[in-house]
Amino acid sequence: MLQEERNLALQEGRVLPLMEEFYTIQGEGFYSGSAAYFIRLGGCDVGCHWCDVKESWDPELHPLTKIEDIVANASSEAKLAVITGGEPLMYNLDYLTSKLKEAGMQTNIETSGAYEMSGDFDWVCLSPKKTKLPTESAYAAASELKVVIYNKHDFIFAEEQAAKVNPNALLLLQTEWGKRQEMMPLIIEYVKNNPKWRISLQTHKYLDIP
């Protein structure tokens, strides 16, 4: 593929940098415990210092892959596709989600919301980061707001984000994995005192599931 053709295909979302794809159990949020096919795209400029997939940040490290190949793999395994990253909204996801839906799949996304929404999603997990706040389209589209708690100030950040998200979004607090011993007792007390929030656990890590 010539460079010009490559750039056009990427712009249109007909190819995307695929870091990895795998069939597993969703570990976090509302769909925790559900069988899901994860499509992890490479590329992210949000820069969370505690990110556990920093190898996803550089899109050049991951091969541009035809959407038809991704969808064929996903639909042969599952009914639920989860688009994640990296930051998947760096790319135009309209073509990917249309092909997934043509294949009869439910489409979910996990995103920081740092870029404008694209794609047709059945469920949007918005996990905002202080380094690059969500767009208005992301706040409006959120099915759940999942805020990672790394320190005490993150509770303030969580409330700021809850005030911006649409009123129908579920509100979830999730401890950063390395801080779970320190922060989980605080999250438990916070949710007891503020029951509009729920606790999200990284159950896949407790169960040792990829």
N, C-alpha and C. Protein backbone atom coordinates (compact mmCIF):
# COMPACT_ATOMS: atom_id res chain seq x y z
N MET A 1 0.85 -1.19 0.00
CA MET A 1 0.00 0.00 0.00
C MET A 1 0.89 1.25 0.00
N LEU A 2 0.68 2.14 -0.96
CA LEU A 2 1.43 3.37 -1.02
C LEU A 2 1.11 4.25 0.18
N GLN A 3 2.05 5.15 0.52
CA GLN A 3 1.88 5.98 1.71
C GLN A 3 0.60 6.81 1.64
N GLU A 4 0.31 7.36 0.46
CA GLU A 4 -0.90 8.17 0.31
C GLU A 4 -2.15 7.32 0.52
N GLU A 5 -2.15 6.12 -0.05
CA GLU A 5 -3.29 5.21 0.13
C GLU A 5 -3.41 4.79 1.59
N ARG A 6 -2.25 4.55 2.21
CA ARG A 6 -2.23 4.16 3.62
C ARG A 6 -2.83 5.25 4.49
N ASN A 7 -2.45 6.48 4.25
CA ASN A 7 -2.96 7.59 5.06
C ASN A 7 -4.46 7.78 4.87
N LEU A 8 -4.93 7.62 3.64
CA LEU A 8 -6.36 7.77 3.37
C LEU A 8 -7.15 6.66 4.05
N ALA A 9 -6.64 5.42 3.95
CA ALA A 9 -7.33 4.30 4.59
C ALA A 9 -7.40 4.47 6.09
N LEU A 10 -6.33 5.00 6.70
CA LEU A 10 -6.31 5.25 8.13
C LEU A 10 -7.27 6.37 8.49
N GLN A 11 -7.29 7.42 7.70
CA GLN A 11 -8.19 8.55 7.95
C GLN A 11 -9.65 8.11 7.88
N GLU A 12 -9.96 7.22 6.96
CA GLU A 12 -11.33 6.74 6.80
C GLU A 12 -11.66 5.61 7.76
N GLY A 13 -10.65 5.12 8.48
CA GLY A 13 -10.88 4.04 9.44
C GLY A 13 -11.03 2.67 8.80
N ARG A 14 -10.58 2.51 7.57
CA ARG A 14 -10.66 1.20 6.91
C ARG A 14 -9.52 0.29 7.35
N VAL A 15 -8.46 0.88 7.87
CA VAL A 15 -7.39 0.16 8.56
C VAL A 15 -7.13 0.89 9.87
N LEU A 16 -6.70 0.16 10.89
CA LEU A 16 -6.39 0.76 12.18
C LEU A 16 -5.17 0.05 12.78
N PRO A 17 -4.36 0.77 13.58
CA PRO A 17 -3.20 0.14 14.21
C PRO A 17 -3.65 -0.79 15.34
N LEU A 18 -3.53 -2.07 15.10
CA LEU A 18 -4.02 -3.08 16.05
C LEU A 18 -2.87 -3.55 16.93
N MET A 19 -2.97 -3.26 18.23
CA MET A 19 -1.96 -3.73 19.17
C MET A 19 -2.18 -5.19 19.51
N GLU A 20 -3.44 -5.52 19.84
CA GLU A 20 -3.76 -6.90 20.16
C GLU A 20 -5.27 -7.10 20.09
N GLU A 21 -5.67 -8.35 19.93
CA GLU A 21 -7.10 -8.72 19.96
C GLU A 21 -7.19 -10.07 20.64
N PHE A 22 -8.19 -10.22 21.51
CA PHE A 22 -8.29 -11.47 22.26
C PHE A 22 -9.69 -11.61 22.85
N TYR A 23 -10.09 -12.86 23.04
CA TYR A 23 -11.38 -13.21 23.62
C TYR A 23 -11.16 -13.49 25.11
N THR A 24 -11.92 -12.81 25.96
CA THR A 24 -11.68 -12.92 27.39
C THR A 24 -12.97 -12.61 28.16
N ILE A 25 -12.82 -12.31 29.42
CA ILE A 25 -13.93 -11.87 30.27
C ILE A 25 -13.71 -10.41 30.63
N GLN A 26 -14.73 -9.60 30.37
CA GLN A 26 -14.64 -8.18 30.75
C GLN A 26 -14.46 -8.09 32.26
N GLY A 27 -13.45 -7.34 32.69
CA GLY A 27 -13.13 -7.31 34.11
C GLY A 27 -13.65 -6.12 34.87
N GLU A 28 -14.03 -5.05 34.17
CA GLU A 28 -14.35 -3.79 34.85
C GLU A 28 -15.71 -3.27 34.43
N GLY A 29 -16.28 -2.40 35.27
CA GLY A 29 -17.47 -1.65 34.91
C GLY A 29 -18.75 -2.48 34.86
N PHE A 30 -19.74 -1.93 34.22
CA PHE A 30 -21.09 -2.53 34.20
C PHE A 30 -21.08 -3.92 33.59
N TYR A 31 -20.26 -4.14 32.57
CA TYR A 31 -20.22 -5.43 31.88
C TYR A 31 -19.23 -6.41 32.48
N SER A 32 -18.75 -6.13 33.67
CA SER A 32 -17.82 -7.04 34.33
C SER A 32 -18.42 -8.44 34.43
N GLY A 33 -17.60 -9.43 34.06
CA GLY A 33 -18.05 -10.81 34.09
C GLY A 33 -18.60 -11.32 32.77
N SER A 34 -18.75 -10.43 31.78
CA SER A 34 -19.29 -10.82 30.48
C SER A 34 -18.18 -11.27 29.53
N ALA A 35 -18.47 -12.28 28.74
CA ALA A 35 -17.53 -12.70 27.69
C ALA A 35 -17.45 -11.59 26.64
N ALA A 36 -16.25 -11.24 26.23
CA ALA A 36 -16.08 -10.12 25.31
C ALA A 36 -14.81 -10.30 24.48
N TYR A 37 -14.87 -9.82 23.25
CA TYR A 37 -13.71 -9.82 22.36
C TYR A 37 -13.11 -8.41 22.40
N PHE A 38 -11.88 -8.32 22.90
CA PHE A 38 -11.22 -7.03 23.04
C PHE A 38 -10.42 -6.70 21.78
N ILE A 39 -10.61 -5.49 21.29
CA ILE A 39 -9.87 -4.96 20.16
C ILE A 39 -9.09 -3.75 20.67
N ARG A 40 -7.79 -3.95 20.91
CA ARG A 40 -6.96 -2.89 21.50
C ARG A 40 -6.18 -2.17 20.40
N LEU A 41 -6.48 -0.89 20.22
CA LEU A 41 -5.82 -0.10 19.20
C LEU A 41 -4.59 0.60 19.78
N GLY A 42 -3.55 0.73 18.95
CA GLY A 42 -2.35 1.41 19.37
C GLY A 42 -2.44 2.91 19.14
N GLY A 43 -1.85 3.67 20.05
CA GLY A 43 -1.85 5.13 19.94
C GLY A 43 -2.55 5.79 21.10
N CYS A 44 -1.82 6.61 21.85
CA CYS A 44 -2.43 7.38 22.95
C CYS A 44 -1.49 8.52 23.31
N ASP A 45 -2.06 9.70 23.49
CA ASP A 45 -1.27 10.87 23.91
C ASP A 45 -1.80 11.47 25.20
N VAL A 46 -2.61 10.69 25.94
CA VAL A 46 -3.17 11.19 27.20
C VAL A 46 -2.12 11.14 28.30
N GLY A 47 -1.30 10.10 28.33
CA GLY A 47 -0.11 10.08 29.18
C GLY A 47 -0.33 9.85 30.66
N CYS A 48 -1.16 8.89 31.03
CA CYS A 48 -1.34 8.57 32.45
C CYS A 48 -0.08 7.88 32.98
N HIS A 49 0.49 8.41 34.04
CA HIS A 49 1.76 7.86 34.53
C HIS A 49 1.60 6.46 35.08
N TRP A 50 0.38 6.09 35.50
CA TRP A 50 0.15 4.76 36.05
C TRP A 50 -0.44 3.79 35.02
N CYS A 51 -0.45 4.16 33.76
CA CYS A 51 -1.00 3.30 32.71
C CYS A 51 -0.30 1.94 32.71
N ASP A 52 -1.07 0.86 32.61
CA ASP A 52 -0.47 -0.48 32.62
C ASP A 52 -0.31 -1.05 31.22
N VAL A 53 -0.60 -0.24 30.19
CA VAL A 53 -0.34 -0.67 28.81
C VAL A 53 0.37 0.45 28.05
N LYS A 54 1.47 0.93 28.61
CA LYS A 54 2.21 2.02 27.97
C LYS A 54 2.76 1.62 26.60
N GLU A 55 2.89 0.32 26.37
CA GLU A 55 3.34 -0.15 25.07
C GLU A 55 2.32 0.16 23.97
N SER A 56 1.14 0.60 24.36
CA SER A 56 0.12 0.96 23.38
C SER A 56 0.27 2.41 22.91
N TRP A 57 1.10 3.20 23.53
CA TRP A 57 1.12 4.63 23.26
C TRP A 57 1.59 4.99 21.85
N ASP A 58 2.58 4.27 21.34
CA ASP A 58 3.16 4.61 20.04
C ASP A 58 2.45 3.83 18.94
N PRO A 59 1.65 4.49 18.11
CA PRO A 59 0.90 3.75 17.08
C PRO A 59 1.80 3.12 16.02
N GLU A 60 3.00 3.67 15.85
CA GLU A 60 3.89 3.14 14.83
C GLU A 60 4.39 1.73 15.16
N LEU A 61 4.23 1.32 16.40
CA LEU A 61 4.69 -0.01 16.81
C LEU A 61 3.69 -1.11 16.45
N HIS A 62 2.52 -0.71 15.98
CA HIS A 62 1.45 -1.69 15.79
C HIS A 62 0.97 -1.67 14.34
N PRO A 63 0.78 -2.85 13.75
CA PRO A 63 0.50 -2.93 12.32
C PRO A 63 -0.88 -2.41 11.95
N LEU A 64 -0.93 -1.68 10.85
CA LEU A 64 -2.22 -1.29 10.31
C LEU A 64 -2.93 -2.55 9.80
N THR A 65 -4.13 -2.76 10.29
CA THR A 65 -4.85 -4.00 10.04
C THR A 65 -6.20 -3.69 9.40
N LYS A 66 -6.57 -4.46 8.40
CA LYS A 66 -7.84 -4.24 7.72
C LYS A 66 -9.00 -4.53 8.67
N ILE A 67 -9.99 -3.68 8.61
CA ILE A 67 -11.16 -3.83 9.48
C ILE A 67 -11.85 -5.17 9.23
N GLU A 68 -11.92 -5.59 7.99
CA GLU A 68 -12.57 -6.85 7.66
C GLU A 68 -11.91 -8.03 8.38
N ASP A 69 -10.59 -7.98 8.53
CA ASP A 69 -9.88 -9.05 9.23
C ASP A 69 -10.19 -9.02 10.73
N ILE A 70 -10.22 -7.81 11.29
CA ILE A 70 -10.54 -7.67 12.72
C ILE A 70 -11.94 -8.19 13.00
N VAL A 71 -12.89 -7.80 12.17
CA VAL A 71 -14.28 -8.19 12.39
C VAL A 71 -14.47 -9.70 12.20
N ALA A 72 -13.77 -10.27 11.23
CA ALA A 72 -13.87 -11.72 11.02
C ALA A 72 -13.39 -12.48 12.24
N ASN A 73 -12.29 -12.03 12.82
CA ASN A 73 -11.76 -12.68 14.02
C ASN A 73 -12.72 -12.51 15.20
N ALA A 74 -13.22 -11.30 15.38
CA ALA A 74 -14.09 -11.01 16.52
C ALA A 74 -15.40 -11.78 16.43
N SER A 75 -16.03 -11.75 15.28
CA SER A 75 -17.36 -12.35 15.13
C SER A 75 -17.32 -13.88 15.17
N SER A 76 -16.15 -14.46 14.94
CA SER A 76 -16.02 -15.91 15.03
C SER A 76 -15.94 -16.39 16.48
N GLU A 77 -15.71 -15.44 17.40
CA GLU A 77 -15.52 -15.80 18.80
C GLU A 77 -16.63 -15.33 19.72
N ALA A 78 -17.22 -14.15 19.43
CA ALA A 78 -18.05 -13.50 20.45
C ALA A 78 -19.20 -12.73 19.84
N LYS A 79 -20.09 -12.27 20.73
CA LYS A 79 -21.19 -11.39 20.35
C LYS A 79 -20.98 -9.97 20.84
N LEU A 80 -20.02 -9.80 21.74
CA LEU A 80 -19.72 -8.48 22.31
C LEU A 80 -18.29 -8.09 21.97
N ALA A 81 -18.12 -6.93 21.35
CA ALA A 81 -16.80 -6.39 21.05
C ALA A 81 -16.54 -5.17 21.92
N VAL A 82 -15.36 -5.11 22.51
CA VAL A 82 -14.95 -3.96 23.31
C VAL A 82 -13.76 -3.30 22.61
N ILE A 83 -13.95 -2.06 22.20
CA ILE A 83 -12.88 -1.30 21.55
C ILE A 83 -12.16 -0.51 22.62
N THR A 84 -10.85 -0.70 22.72
CA THR A 84 -10.08 -0.05 23.76
C THR A 84 -8.71 0.35 23.22
N GLY A 85 -7.83 0.78 24.08
CA GLY A 85 -6.52 1.21 23.62
C GLY A 85 -5.49 1.13 24.71
N GLY A 86 -4.48 2.02 24.64
CA GLY A 86 -4.46 3.23 23.84
C GLY A 86 -5.69 4.10 24.05
N GLU A 87 -5.84 5.05 23.13
CA GLU A 87 -7.03 5.89 23.10
C GLU A 87 -7.70 5.70 21.75
N PRO A 88 -8.74 4.85 21.70
CA PRO A 88 -9.33 4.49 20.41
C PRO A 88 -9.97 5.64 19.65
N LEU A 89 -10.41 6.68 20.35
CA LEU A 89 -11.08 7.78 19.66
C LEU A 89 -10.10 8.70 18.93
N MET A 90 -8.81 8.38 18.96
CA MET A 90 -7.87 9.07 18.09
C MET A 90 -8.18 8.79 16.62
N TYR A 91 -8.99 7.75 16.38
CA TYR A 91 -9.27 7.30 15.03
C TYR A 91 -10.76 7.38 14.72
N ASN A 92 -11.06 7.39 13.43
CA ASN A 92 -12.45 7.34 12.97
C ASN A 92 -12.95 5.90 13.13
N LEU A 93 -13.89 5.68 13.99
CA LEU A 93 -14.37 4.33 14.30
C LEU A 93 -15.70 4.00 13.62
N ASP A 94 -16.15 4.86 12.72
CA ASP A 94 -17.42 4.63 12.05
C ASP A 94 -17.42 3.32 11.27
N TYR A 95 -16.37 3.10 10.49
CA TYR A 95 -16.32 1.91 9.64
C TYR A 95 -16.21 0.64 10.47
N LEU A 96 -15.37 0.67 11.49
CA LEU A 96 -15.21 -0.49 12.36
C LEU A 96 -16.52 -0.89 13.00
N THR A 97 -17.22 0.06 13.61
CA THR A 97 -18.46 -0.30 14.31
C THR A 97 -19.56 -0.70 13.35
N SER A 98 -19.60 -0.10 12.16
CA SER A 98 -20.63 -0.50 11.19
C SER A 98 -20.42 -1.94 10.76
N LYS A 99 -19.17 -2.34 10.57
CA LYS A 99 -18.88 -3.71 10.16
C LYS A 99 -19.13 -4.70 11.31
N LEU A 100 -18.82 -4.30 12.52
CA LEU A 100 -19.11 -5.15 13.67
C LEU A 100 -20.61 -5.36 13.81
N LYS A 101 -21.38 -4.31 13.63
CA LYS A 101 -22.83 -4.43 13.74
C LYS A 101 -23.41 -5.26 12.59
N GLU A 102 -22.84 -5.12 11.40
CA GLU A 102 -23.28 -5.96 10.28
C GLU A 102 -23.06 -7.44 10.60
N ALA A 103 -22.03 -7.71 11.41
CA ALA A 103 -21.73 -9.08 11.81
C ALA A 103 -22.55 -9.52 13.02
N GLY A 104 -23.46 -8.66 13.48
CA GLY A 104 -24.35 -9.02 14.58
C GLY A 104 -23.76 -8.84 15.96
N MET A 105 -22.74 -7.99 16.08
CA MET A 105 -22.06 -7.82 17.36
C MET A 105 -22.51 -6.57 18.09
N GLN A 106 -22.51 -6.64 19.40
CA GLN A 106 -22.69 -5.47 20.25
C GLN A 106 -21.36 -4.73 20.31
N THR A 107 -21.41 -3.40 20.27
CA THR A 107 -20.19 -2.59 20.27
C THR A 107 -20.09 -1.75 21.53
N ASN A 108 -19.04 -1.99 22.31
CA ASN A 108 -18.73 -1.20 23.50
C ASN A 108 -17.38 -0.51 23.29
N ILE A 109 -17.17 0.59 23.97
CA ILE A 109 -15.89 1.28 23.90
C ILE A 109 -15.45 1.69 25.30
N GLU A 110 -14.14 1.64 25.53
CA GLU A 110 -13.53 2.20 26.74
C GLU A 110 -12.62 3.33 26.29
N THR A 111 -12.87 4.54 26.78
CA THR A 111 -12.18 5.72 26.29
C THR A 111 -11.99 6.76 27.37
N SER A 112 -10.95 7.55 27.22
CA SER A 112 -10.76 8.71 28.08
C SER A 112 -11.66 9.86 27.64
N GLY A 113 -12.18 9.76 26.41
CA GLY A 113 -13.04 10.83 25.88
C GLY A 113 -12.29 12.05 25.43
N ALA A 114 -10.97 11.93 25.28
CA ALA A 114 -10.15 13.10 24.95
C ALA A 114 -10.36 13.58 23.52
N TYR A 115 -10.98 12.75 22.69
CA TYR A 115 -11.26 13.12 21.30
C TYR A 115 -12.76 13.03 21.05
N GLU A 116 -13.19 13.69 19.96
CA GLU A 116 -14.62 13.67 19.63
C GLU A 116 -15.08 12.25 19.34
N MET A 117 -16.32 11.97 19.70
CA MET A 117 -16.89 10.65 19.48
C MET A 117 -17.01 10.35 17.99
N SER A 118 -16.72 9.11 17.64
CA SER A 118 -17.03 8.56 16.32
C SER A 118 -17.44 7.12 16.55
N GLY A 119 -18.11 6.53 15.58
CA GLY A 119 -18.57 5.16 15.74
C GLY A 119 -19.97 5.09 16.31
N ASP A 120 -20.58 3.93 16.16
CA ASP A 120 -21.94 3.66 16.65
C ASP A 120 -21.82 2.64 17.79
N PHE A 121 -21.95 3.11 19.02
CA PHE A 121 -21.70 2.26 20.18
C PHE A 121 -22.96 2.00 20.99
N ASP A 122 -23.05 0.76 21.47
CA ASP A 122 -24.15 0.38 22.35
C ASP A 122 -23.85 0.76 23.79
N TRP A 123 -22.57 0.87 24.13
CA TRP A 123 -22.19 1.21 25.51
C TRP A 123 -20.87 1.97 25.48
N VAL A 124 -20.85 3.09 26.18
CA VAL A 124 -19.65 3.93 26.23
C VAL A 124 -19.17 4.02 27.67
N CYS A 125 -18.00 3.45 27.94
CA CYS A 125 -17.35 3.59 29.24
C CYS A 125 -16.39 4.76 29.15
N LEU A 126 -16.73 5.86 29.81
CA LEU A 126 -15.90 7.06 29.82
C LEU A 126 -15.05 7.07 31.07
N SER A 127 -13.72 7.03 30.89
CA SER A 127 -12.80 7.06 32.03
C SER A 127 -11.89 8.27 31.87
N PRO A 128 -12.32 9.43 32.35
CA PRO A 128 -11.60 10.68 32.10
C PRO A 128 -10.27 10.75 32.85
N LYS A 129 -9.34 11.48 32.26
CA LYS A 129 -8.02 11.67 32.86
C LYS A 129 -7.73 13.16 32.98
N LYS A 130 -7.04 13.53 34.06
CA LYS A 130 -6.76 14.94 34.32
C LYS A 130 -5.87 15.56 33.25
N THR A 131 -5.03 14.74 32.63
CA THR A 131 -4.05 15.26 31.68
C THR A 131 -4.68 15.74 30.38
N LYS A 132 -5.86 15.22 30.04
CA LYS A 132 -6.54 15.62 28.81
C LYS A 132 -8.02 15.32 28.98
N LEU A 133 -8.79 16.34 29.32
CA LEU A 133 -10.19 16.14 29.71
C LEU A 133 -11.07 15.75 28.53
N PRO A 134 -12.20 15.12 28.81
CA PRO A 134 -13.10 14.69 27.73
C PRO A 134 -13.71 15.85 26.95
N THR A 135 -14.14 15.52 25.75
CA THR A 135 -14.89 16.45 24.92
C THR A 135 -16.35 16.44 25.36
N GLU A 136 -17.07 17.44 24.92
CA GLU A 136 -18.50 17.51 25.24
C GLU A 136 -19.25 16.31 24.65
N SER A 137 -18.82 15.86 23.46
CA SER A 137 -19.51 14.73 22.85
C SER A 137 -19.31 13.46 23.66
N ALA A 138 -18.16 13.33 24.32
CA ALA A 138 -17.90 12.15 25.16
C ALA A 138 -18.75 12.20 26.43
N TYR A 139 -18.82 13.36 27.06
CA TYR A 139 -19.67 13.49 28.24
C TYR A 139 -21.12 13.13 27.89
N ALA A 140 -21.59 13.58 26.75
CA ALA A 140 -22.97 13.36 26.35
C ALA A 140 -23.25 11.89 26.04
N ALA A 141 -22.24 11.19 25.52
CA ALA A 141 -22.43 9.81 25.07
C ALA A 141 -22.22 8.78 26.17
N ALA A 142 -21.64 9.16 27.29
CA ALA A 142 -21.23 8.20 28.31
C ALA A 142 -22.39 7.37 28.85
N SER A 143 -22.23 6.05 28.82
CA SER A 143 -23.16 5.15 29.48
C SER A 143 -22.76 4.94 30.93
N GLU A 144 -21.45 4.95 31.17
CA GLU A 144 -20.91 4.89 32.52
C GLU A 144 -19.71 5.82 32.62
N LEU A 145 -19.56 6.44 33.78
CA LEU A 145 -18.40 7.27 34.09
C LEU A 145 -17.57 6.48 35.10
N LYS A 146 -16.37 6.09 34.70
CA LYS A 146 -15.50 5.29 35.55
C LYS A 146 -14.26 6.12 35.88
N VAL A 147 -14.16 6.53 37.13
CA VAL A 147 -13.04 7.37 37.56
C VAL A 147 -12.06 6.53 38.36
N VAL A 148 -10.81 6.54 37.94
CA VAL A 148 -9.75 5.81 38.64
C VAL A 148 -9.26 6.65 39.81
N ILE A 149 -9.24 6.05 40.99
CA ILE A 149 -8.82 6.74 42.21
C ILE A 149 -7.39 6.34 42.54
N TYR A 150 -6.49 7.31 42.39
CA TYR A 150 -5.07 7.11 42.68
C TYR A 150 -4.66 7.79 43.98
N ASN A 151 -5.32 8.93 44.27
CA ASN A 151 -5.05 9.66 45.51
C ASN A 151 -6.33 10.35 45.97
N LYS A 152 -6.28 11.00 47.11
CA LYS A 152 -7.49 11.59 47.69
C LYS A 152 -8.08 12.68 46.82
N HIS A 153 -7.25 13.41 46.11
CA HIS A 153 -7.76 14.48 45.26
C HIS A 153 -8.66 13.94 44.14
N ASP A 154 -8.47 12.68 43.80
CA ASP A 154 -9.26 12.11 42.72
C ASP A 154 -10.75 12.03 43.05
N PHE A 155 -11.10 12.05 44.33
CA PHE A 155 -12.52 12.11 44.69
C PHE A 155 -13.12 13.45 44.26
N ILE A 156 -12.35 14.52 44.41
CA ILE A 156 -12.80 15.84 43.94
C ILE A 156 -12.95 15.83 42.43
N PHE A 157 -11.95 15.27 41.76
CA PHE A 157 -12.00 15.16 40.30
C PHE A 157 -13.22 14.35 39.86
N ALA A 158 -13.52 13.28 40.58
CA ALA A 158 -14.67 12.45 40.24
C ALA A 158 -15.97 13.24 40.29
N GLU A 159 -16.12 14.05 41.32
CA GLU A 159 -17.34 14.86 41.43
C GLU A 159 -17.41 15.92 40.33
N GLU A 160 -16.26 16.49 39.97
CA GLU A 160 -16.23 17.46 38.87
C GLU A 160 -16.68 16.81 37.57
N GLN A 161 -16.24 15.58 37.34
CA GLN A 161 -16.62 14.88 36.12
C GLN A 161 -18.08 14.44 36.15
N ALA A 162 -18.55 14.04 37.31
CA ALA A 162 -19.96 13.63 37.44
C ALA A 162 -20.90 14.80 37.13
N ALA A 163 -20.45 16.01 37.41
CA ALA A 163 -21.27 17.18 37.14
C ALA A 163 -21.34 17.50 35.64
N LYS A 164 -20.41 16.97 34.87
CA LYS A 164 -20.36 17.26 33.44
C LYS A 164 -20.99 16.17 32.58
N VAL A 165 -21.03 14.95 33.11
CA VAL A 165 -21.52 13.84 32.32
C VAL A 165 -23.04 13.88 32.24
N ASN A 166 -23.62 13.20 31.24
CA ASN A 166 -25.07 13.20 31.10
C ASN A 166 -25.71 12.52 32.32
N PRO A 167 -26.94 12.90 32.67
CA PRO A 167 -27.55 12.43 33.93
C PRO A 167 -27.89 10.94 33.96
N ASN A 168 -27.86 10.27 32.83
CA ASN A 168 -28.20 8.85 32.79
C ASN A 168 -26.99 7.94 33.00
N ALA A 169 -25.80 8.50 33.03
CA ALA A 169 -24.59 7.68 33.14
C ALA A 169 -24.45 7.08 34.53
N LEU A 170 -24.07 5.80 34.59
CA LEU A 170 -23.71 5.18 35.86
C LEU A 170 -22.41 5.80 36.36
N LEU A 171 -22.28 5.94 37.68
CA LEU A 171 -21.09 6.56 38.27
C LEU A 171 -20.30 5.50 39.02
N LEU A 172 -19.07 5.27 38.59
CA LEU A 172 -18.24 4.21 39.14
C LEU A 172 -16.90 4.75 39.61
N LEU A 173 -16.45 4.27 40.76
CA LEU A 173 -15.12 4.57 41.28
C LEU A 173 -14.30 3.28 41.28
N GLN A 174 -13.07 3.38 40.79
CA GLN A 174 -12.21 2.20 40.70
C GLN A 174 -10.80 2.56 41.17
N THR A 175 -10.29 1.81 42.13
CA THR A 175 -8.95 2.10 42.62
C THR A 175 -7.90 1.74 41.57
N GLU A 176 -6.86 2.56 41.48
CA GLU A 176 -5.69 2.18 40.67
C GLU A 176 -5.08 0.95 41.32
N TRP A 177 -4.73 -0.05 40.52
CA TRP A 177 -4.38 -1.36 41.03
C TRP A 177 -3.26 -1.32 42.06
N GLY A 178 -2.24 -0.54 41.80
CA GLY A 178 -1.11 -0.47 42.72
C GLY A 178 -1.42 0.24 44.03
N LYS A 179 -2.55 0.94 44.08
CA LYS A 179 -2.94 1.70 45.27
C LYS A 179 -4.13 1.07 45.99
N ARG A 180 -4.50 -0.16 45.62
CA ARG A 180 -5.76 -0.72 46.12
C ARG A 180 -5.76 -0.91 47.63
N GLN A 181 -4.64 -1.28 48.24
CA GLN A 181 -4.60 -1.47 49.69
C GLN A 181 -4.84 -0.16 50.43
N GLU A 182 -4.30 0.92 49.86
CA GLU A 182 -4.42 2.24 50.50
C GLU A 182 -5.76 2.90 50.22
N MET A 183 -6.22 2.80 48.95
CA MET A 183 -7.36 3.60 48.54
C MET A 183 -8.71 2.88 48.65
N MET A 184 -8.72 1.56 48.61
CA MET A 184 -10.01 0.86 48.64
C MET A 184 -10.82 1.16 49.90
N PRO A 185 -10.22 1.18 51.10
CA PRO A 185 -11.02 1.55 52.27
C PRO A 185 -11.64 2.94 52.14
N LEU A 186 -10.92 3.88 51.52
CA LEU A 186 -11.45 5.22 51.33
C LEU A 186 -12.60 5.23 50.32
N ILE A 187 -12.46 4.42 49.27
CA ILE A 187 -13.52 4.33 48.27
C ILE A 187 -14.78 3.73 48.90
N ILE A 188 -14.61 2.70 49.70
CA ILE A 188 -15.77 2.07 50.35
C ILE A 188 -16.52 3.08 51.21
N GLU A 189 -15.80 3.84 52.01
CA GLU A 189 -16.45 4.84 52.86
C GLU A 189 -17.08 5.94 52.01
N TYR A 190 -16.41 6.32 50.93
CA TYR A 190 -16.95 7.38 50.08
C TYR A 190 -18.27 6.96 49.44
N VAL A 191 -18.33 5.73 48.95
CA VAL A 191 -19.56 5.25 48.32
C VAL A 191 -20.68 5.11 49.35
N LYS A 192 -20.35 4.68 50.56
CA LYS A 192 -21.35 4.60 51.61
C LYS A 192 -21.93 5.97 51.92
N ASN A 193 -21.09 7.00 51.88
CA ASN A 193 -21.54 8.36 52.16
C ASN A 193 -22.13 9.06 50.94
N ASN A 194 -21.83 8.54 49.75
CA ASN A 194 -22.30 9.14 48.49
C ASN A 194 -22.83 8.01 47.59
N PRO A 195 -24.01 7.47 47.90
CA PRO A 195 -24.48 6.25 47.25
C PRO A 195 -24.86 6.40 45.78
N LYS A 196 -24.75 7.59 45.21
CA LYS A 196 -24.93 7.70 43.76
C LYS A 196 -23.79 6.98 43.03
N TRP A 197 -22.67 6.77 43.73
CA TRP A 197 -21.51 6.10 43.16
C TRP A 197 -21.57 4.61 43.45
N ARG A 198 -20.95 3.81 42.58
CA ARG A 198 -20.73 2.39 42.79
C ARG A 198 -19.23 2.11 42.73
N ILE A 199 -18.84 0.93 43.21
CA ILE A 199 -17.44 0.52 43.13
C ILE A 199 -17.26 -0.40 41.93
N SER A 200 -16.24 -0.10 41.13
CA SER A 200 -15.84 -0.98 40.05
C SER A 200 -14.53 -1.65 40.45
N LEU A 201 -14.47 -2.96 40.30
CA LEU A 201 -13.26 -3.73 40.61
C LEU A 201 -12.63 -4.25 39.33
N GLN A 202 -11.31 -4.36 39.33
CA GLN A 202 -10.61 -4.99 38.22
C GLN A 202 -10.61 -6.51 38.45
N THR A 203 -11.78 -7.09 38.25
CA THR A 203 -11.95 -8.51 38.62
C THR A 203 -11.04 -9.43 37.81
N HIS A 204 -10.68 -9.03 36.62
CA HIS A 204 -9.81 -9.88 35.80
C HIS A 204 -8.44 -10.05 36.44
N LYS A 205 -8.00 -9.05 37.20
CA LYS A 205 -6.71 -9.15 37.88
C LYS A 205 -6.81 -10.06 39.11
N TYR A 206 -7.91 -9.97 39.81
CA TYR A 206 -8.12 -10.88 40.93
C TYR A 206 -8.22 -12.33 40.44
N LEU A 207 -8.81 -12.52 39.28
CA LEU A 207 -9.01 -13.86 38.73
C LEU A 207 -7.84 -14.33 37.87
N ASP A 208 -6.86 -13.45 37.67
CA ASP A 208 -5.68 -13.75 36.85
C ASP A 208 -6.09 -14.10 35.41
N ILE A 209 -6.98 -13.26 34.87
CA ILE A 209 -7.44 -13.42 33.49
C ILE A 209 -6.80 -12.31 32.66
N PRO A 210 -6.24 -12.62 31.49
CA PRO A 210 -5.61 -11.59 30.64
C PRO A 210 -6.61 -10.50 30.26
